[in-house]
Amino acid sequence: MKKSNLPTKVCVACARPFVWRKKWERDWDRVLYCSDACRRGVHPLARRNTKTR
């Protein structure tokens, strides 16, 4: 599969797009965050977006 054809999602914490990774192959439907920092809420954009909710 070409890199340009990989599926993408938008992170629910920071609202930035991210692309499919091999390590997410089995769990792609359950992946919501682009990084561990966003999942934990320590990424600056993640903190900003959670305060406005």
C-alpha atoms as a PDB file:
ATOM      1  CA  MET A   1       0.000   0.000   0.000  1.00  0.00           C
ATOM      2  CA  LYS A   2       1.333   3.430  -0.909  1.00  0.00           C
ATOM      3  CA  LYS A   3       1.732   5.979   1.851  1.00  0.00           C
ATOM      4  CA  SER A   4      -0.560   8.383   0.021  1.00  0.00           C
ATOM      5  CA  ASN A   5      -3.368   5.798   0.173  1.00  0.00           C
ATOM      6  CA  LEU A   6      -3.249   5.174   3.937  1.00  0.00           C
ATOM      7  CA  PRO A   7      -6.452   5.871   5.881  1.00  0.00           C
ATOM      8  CA  THR A   8      -6.585   8.938   8.101  1.00  0.00           C
ATOM      9  CA  LYS A   9      -8.484  10.010  11.208  1.00  0.00           C
ATOM     10  CA  VAL A  10      -8.754  13.161  13.292  1.00  0.00           C
ATOM     11  CA  CYS A  11      -7.522  13.043  16.886  1.00  0.00           C
ATOM     12  CA  VAL A  12     -10.376  13.609  19.345  1.00  0.00           C
ATOM     13  CA  ALA A  13      -8.088  15.512  21.735  1.00  0.00           C
ATOM     14  CA  CYS A  14      -6.106  17.894  19.528  1.00  0.00           C
ATOM     15  CA  ALA A  15      -8.230  17.755  16.335  1.00  0.00           C
ATOM     16  CA  ARG A  16      -5.160  17.155  14.153  1.00  0.00           C
ATOM     17  CA  PRO A  17      -5.214  14.524  11.403  1.00  0.00           C
ATOM     18  CA  PHE A  18      -3.093  11.401  11.701  1.00  0.00           C
ATOM     19  CA  VAL A  19      -2.523   8.431   9.418  1.00  0.00           C
ATOM     20  CA  TRP A  20      -2.692   4.687   9.878  1.00  0.00           C
ATOM     21  CA  ARG A  21       0.331   2.943  11.376  1.00  0.00           C
ATOM     22  CA  LYS A  22       1.274  -0.711  11.162  1.00  0.00           C
ATOM     23  CA  LYS A  23       1.133  -1.075  14.953  1.00  0.00           C
ATOM     24  CA  TRP A  24      -2.544  -0.010  14.848  1.00  0.00           C
ATOM     25  CA  GLU A  25      -3.443  -2.590  12.199  1.00  0.00           C
ATOM     26  CA  ARG A  26      -5.622  -4.775  14.451  1.00  0.00           C
ATOM     27  CA  ASP A  27      -7.106  -1.881  16.468  1.00  0.00           C
ATOM     28  CA  TRP A  28      -7.597   0.845  13.851  1.00  0.00           C
ATOM     29  CA  ASP A  29     -11.339   1.027  14.508  1.00  0.00           C
ATOM     30  CA  ARG A  30     -10.696   1.750  18.195  1.00  0.00           C
ATOM     31  CA  VAL A  31      -7.834   4.266  17.765  1.00  0.00           C
ATOM     32  CA  LEU A  32      -8.998   7.746  18.788  1.00  0.00           C
ATOM     33  CA  TYR A  33      -5.808   9.622  19.668  1.00  0.00           C
ATOM     34  CA  CYS A  34      -2.756  10.487  17.591  1.00  0.00           C
ATOM     35  CA  SER A  35      -0.297  10.002  20.465  1.00  0.00           C
ATOM     36  CA  ASP A  36       0.073   8.891  24.059  1.00  0.00           C
ATOM     37  CA  ALA A  37       0.342  12.544  25.074  1.00  0.00           C
ATOM     38  CA  CYS A  38      -3.101  13.283  23.629  1.00  0.00           C
ATOM     39  CA  ARG A  39      -4.536  10.149  25.221  1.00  0.00           C
ATOM     40  CA  ARG A  40      -3.230  11.255  28.641  1.00  0.00           C
ATOM     41  CA  GLY A  41      -4.288  14.865  28.055  1.00  0.00           C
ATOM     42  CA  VAL A  42      -0.802  16.347  28.442  1.00  0.00           C
ATOM     43  CA  HIS A  43      -0.359  17.555  24.866  1.00  0.00           C
ATOM     44  CA  PRO A  44      -0.829  21.372  24.783  1.00  0.00           C
ATOM     45  CA  LEU A  45      -3.504  21.204  22.083  1.00  0.00           C
ATOM     46  CA  ALA A  46      -5.274  18.381  23.908  1.00  0.00           C
ATOM     47  CA  ARG A  47      -5.429  20.422  27.113  1.00  0.00           C
ATOM     48  CA  ARG A  48      -6.723  23.478  25.277  1.00  0.00           C
ATOM     49  CA  ASN A  49      -9.504  21.514  23.533  1.00  0.00           C
ATOM     50  CA  THR A  50     -10.642  19.704  26.691  1.00  0.00           C
ATOM     51  CA  LYS A  51     -11.036  22.973  28.598  1.00  0.00           C
ATOM     52  CA  THR A  52     -13.537  24.271  26.044  1.00  0.00           C
ATOM     53  CA  ARG A  53     -15.746  21.177  26.200  1.00  0.00           C
END
